[in-house]
């Protein structure tokens, strides 16, 4: 799968090779996948992340950013996030990489708009054999996607339970 970059410096990486090398050098690393999207002007920007969370401490992130014609329908835009996460997870799985979890930027609370596809999305992710995690849980991969979607280095919301220094 093409188009992935390091979060730290923006350099290009081959998704499967990079993840396999990391797992070889750091056994026990968890692989987390997540996607976020935002509408800007006449475009929808999707950012999909793979977070490699080390067993002992720390993590690093690789990501892919896509720009599409603006999607105004919330369900369609959020379903695009789910599809992108599944696509990346399946690509990794074909390379014998175990994906530990897919973080979905959806809320289990019906008061929020993203709840409209909560049951369908969680069921879809589980149908592929992946664990799905949603809000209000801590979502490392979708949080990283949100940071990157908003533009690296900008102010962003820190997930619950992390201070800005830890995030």
Protein backbone atom coordinates (compact mmCIF):
# COMPACT_ATOMS: atom_id res chain seq x y z
CA UNK A 1 0.00 0.00 0.00
CA UNK A 2 1.45 3.34 -1.09
CA UNK A 3 1.39 6.85 0.31
CA UNK A 4 2.36 6.27 3.95
CA UNK A 5 4.67 8.64 5.79
CA UNK A 6 6.35 8.96 9.21
CA UNK A 7 4.51 11.35 11.51
CA UNK A 8 7.82 12.60 12.93
CA UNK A 9 9.42 13.84 9.71
CA UNK A 10 7.01 13.17 6.83
CA UNK A 11 9.40 10.78 5.07
CA UNK A 12 7.83 8.08 2.89
CA UNK A 13 7.60 4.49 4.10
CA UNK A 14 6.38 1.25 2.64
CA UNK A 15 3.53 0.32 4.99
CA UNK A 16 3.98 -3.43 5.17
CA UNK A 17 7.80 -3.46 5.17
CA UNK A 18 7.96 -0.78 7.84
CA UNK A 19 5.52 -2.50 10.17
CA UNK A 20 7.13 -5.93 9.66
CA UNK A 21 10.61 -4.48 10.38
CA UNK A 22 9.35 -2.76 13.51
CA UNK A 23 7.75 -5.98 14.79
CA UNK A 24 10.94 -7.90 14.06
CA UNK A 25 13.04 -5.40 16.02
CA UNK A 26 10.52 -4.80 18.82
CA UNK A 27 8.52 -7.97 19.52
CA UNK A 28 5.31 -7.38 21.44
CA UNK A 29 4.59 -4.09 19.68
CA UNK A 30 0.86 -3.48 19.28
CA UNK A 31 -0.48 -2.44 15.90
CA UNK A 32 -3.42 -0.02 16.04
CA UNK A 33 -5.26 1.44 13.05
CA UNK A 34 -7.56 4.46 12.89
CA UNK A 35 -8.91 7.07 10.48
CA UNK A 36 -10.30 10.56 10.89
CA UNK A 37 -11.74 13.01 8.40
CA UNK A 38 -12.47 16.72 8.21
CA UNK A 39 -14.17 18.92 5.65
CA UNK A 40 -12.13 21.89 4.49
CA UNK A 41 -13.42 24.21 1.82
CA UNK A 42 -14.46 22.04 -1.15
CA UNK A 43 -12.55 18.96 0.06
CA UNK A 44 -12.85 16.11 2.54
CA UNK A 45 -9.48 15.13 4.01
CA UNK A 46 -9.06 11.57 5.29
CA UNK A 47 -6.06 10.62 7.41
CA UNK A 48 -5.42 6.97 8.26
CA UNK A 49 -2.84 6.09 10.89
CA UNK A 50 -1.00 2.98 11.96
CA UNK A 51 0.27 3.38 15.50
CA UNK A 52 3.07 1.05 16.54
CA UNK A 53 2.78 1.01 20.31
CA UNK A 54 5.84 -0.46 21.96
CA UNK A 55 5.51 -3.03 24.73
CA UNK A 56 7.82 -1.21 27.13
CA UNK A 57 7.05 2.43 26.44
CA UNK A 58 6.27 4.80 23.61
CA UNK A 59 4.95 4.54 20.09
CA UNK A 60 5.43 5.90 16.63
CA UNK A 61 2.95 6.72 13.94
CA UNK A 62 2.83 6.34 10.19
CA UNK A 63 -0.01 7.83 8.20
CA UNK A 64 -1.63 8.33 4.83
CA UNK A 65 -3.54 11.48 3.94
CA UNK A 66 -6.11 11.63 1.12
CA UNK A 67 -8.04 14.55 -0.30
CA UNK A 68 -11.43 13.92 -1.91
CA UNK A 69 -14.29 16.00 -3.20
CA UNK A 70 -16.23 17.34 -0.21
CA UNK A 71 -18.61 14.80 1.33
CA UNK A 72 -21.44 16.65 3.03
CA UNK A 73 -23.37 13.62 4.32
CA UNK A 74 -22.08 12.69 7.80
CA UNK A 75 -22.88 8.98 7.49
CA UNK A 76 -21.07 8.69 4.14
CA UNK A 77 -18.00 10.59 5.37
CA UNK A 78 -17.72 8.56 8.58
CA UNK A 79 -18.30 5.28 6.75
CA UNK A 80 -15.35 6.27 4.54
CA UNK A 81 -13.25 6.35 7.73
CA UNK A 82 -14.34 2.82 8.63
CA UNK A 83 -13.62 1.51 5.12
CA UNK A 84 -10.13 3.04 5.05
CA UNK A 85 -9.23 1.55 8.42
CA UNK A 86 -10.44 -1.90 7.33
CA UNK A 87 -8.51 -1.63 4.06
CA UNK A 88 -5.24 -0.88 5.89
CA UNK A 89 -5.84 -3.58 8.51
CA UNK A 90 -6.52 -6.17 5.80
CA UNK A 91 -3.38 -5.15 3.90
CA UNK A 92 -1.35 -5.67 7.08
CA UNK A 93 -3.10 -8.96 7.77
CA UNK A 94 -2.20 -10.24 4.28
CA UNK A 95 1.43 -9.55 5.22
CA UNK A 96 1.04 -11.70 8.36
CA UNK A 97 0.79 -8.67 10.68
CA UNK A 98 -1.68 -8.94 13.55
CA UNK A 99 -3.74 -5.77 13.98
CA UNK A 100 -4.57 -5.50 17.68
CA UNK A 101 -7.35 -2.97 17.34
CA UNK A 102 -9.15 -0.56 15.05
CA UNK A 103 -10.02 2.73 16.69
CA UNK A 104 -13.25 4.23 15.33
CA UNK A 105 -13.94 7.93 15.77
CA UNK A 106 -17.55 7.14 16.66
CA UNK A 107 -19.47 7.72 19.84
CA UNK A 108 -21.51 5.11 21.66
CA UNK A 109 -23.62 7.93 23.15
CA UNK A 110 -26.75 8.59 21.02
CA UNK A 111 -26.51 12.33 21.76
CA UNK A 112 -23.66 12.60 19.24
CA UNK A 113 -24.00 12.61 15.45
CA UNK A 114 -21.47 9.84 14.89
CA UNK A 115 -23.75 7.45 16.77
CA UNK A 116 -25.87 7.02 13.61
CA UNK A 117 -23.43 4.41 12.30
CA UNK A 118 -22.07 3.11 15.59
CA UNK A 119 -23.73 -0.35 15.54
CA UNK A 120 -23.16 -0.92 11.82
CA UNK A 121 -19.50 0.14 11.98
CA UNK A 122 -18.62 -1.84 15.10
CA UNK A 123 -20.35 -4.92 13.66
CA UNK A 124 -18.55 -4.48 10.34
CA UNK A 125 -15.13 -4.22 12.00
CA UNK A 126 -15.84 -7.24 14.19
CA UNK A 127 -17.01 -9.25 11.17
CA UNK A 128 -13.41 -9.09 9.91
CA UNK A 129 -12.16 -10.36 13.27
CA UNK A 130 -10.79 -7.07 14.60
CA UNK A 131 -11.41 -5.50 17.99
CA UNK A 132 -13.21 -2.17 17.61
CA UNK A 133 -12.81 0.61 20.14
CA UNK A 134 -14.92 3.77 20.15
CA UNK A 135 -15.50 6.91 22.18
CA UNK A 136 -15.51 7.55 25.08
CA UNK A 137 -12.52 5.13 25.35
CA UNK A 138 -9.01 6.37 24.70
CA UNK A 139 -8.45 6.05 20.95
CA UNK A 140 -4.76 6.40 20.24
CA UNK A 141 -4.95 5.74 16.49
CA UNK A 142 -7.93 7.96 15.71
CA UNK A 143 -6.50 10.69 17.97
CA UNK A 144 -3.27 10.62 15.95
CA UNK A 145 -5.31 10.72 12.74
CA UNK A 146 -7.19 13.75 14.08
CA UNK A 147 -3.94 15.56 14.86
CA UNK A 148 -2.62 14.87 11.37
CA UNK A 149 -5.92 15.70 9.68
CA UNK A 150 -5.94 19.08 11.42
CA UNK A 151 -2.34 19.76 10.44
CA UNK A 152 0.71 18.64 12.38
CA UNK A 153 1.85 21.16 14.96
CA UNK A 154 -1.49 22.90 15.38
CA UNK A 155 -3.35 23.04 18.66
CA UNK A 156 -5.46 19.95 19.13
CA UNK A 157 -7.60 18.23 21.68
CA UNK A 158 -5.70 15.83 23.89
CA UNK A 159 -7.54 12.55 24.52
CA UNK A 160 -9.01 12.04 27.97
CA UNK A 161 -6.48 10.75 30.46
CA UNK A 162 -3.37 12.19 28.79
CA UNK A 163 -1.66 15.45 29.56
CA UNK A 164 -0.39 17.42 26.53
CA UNK A 165 3.15 16.18 27.29
CA UNK A 166 2.03 12.52 27.17
CA UNK A 167 -0.06 12.91 23.99
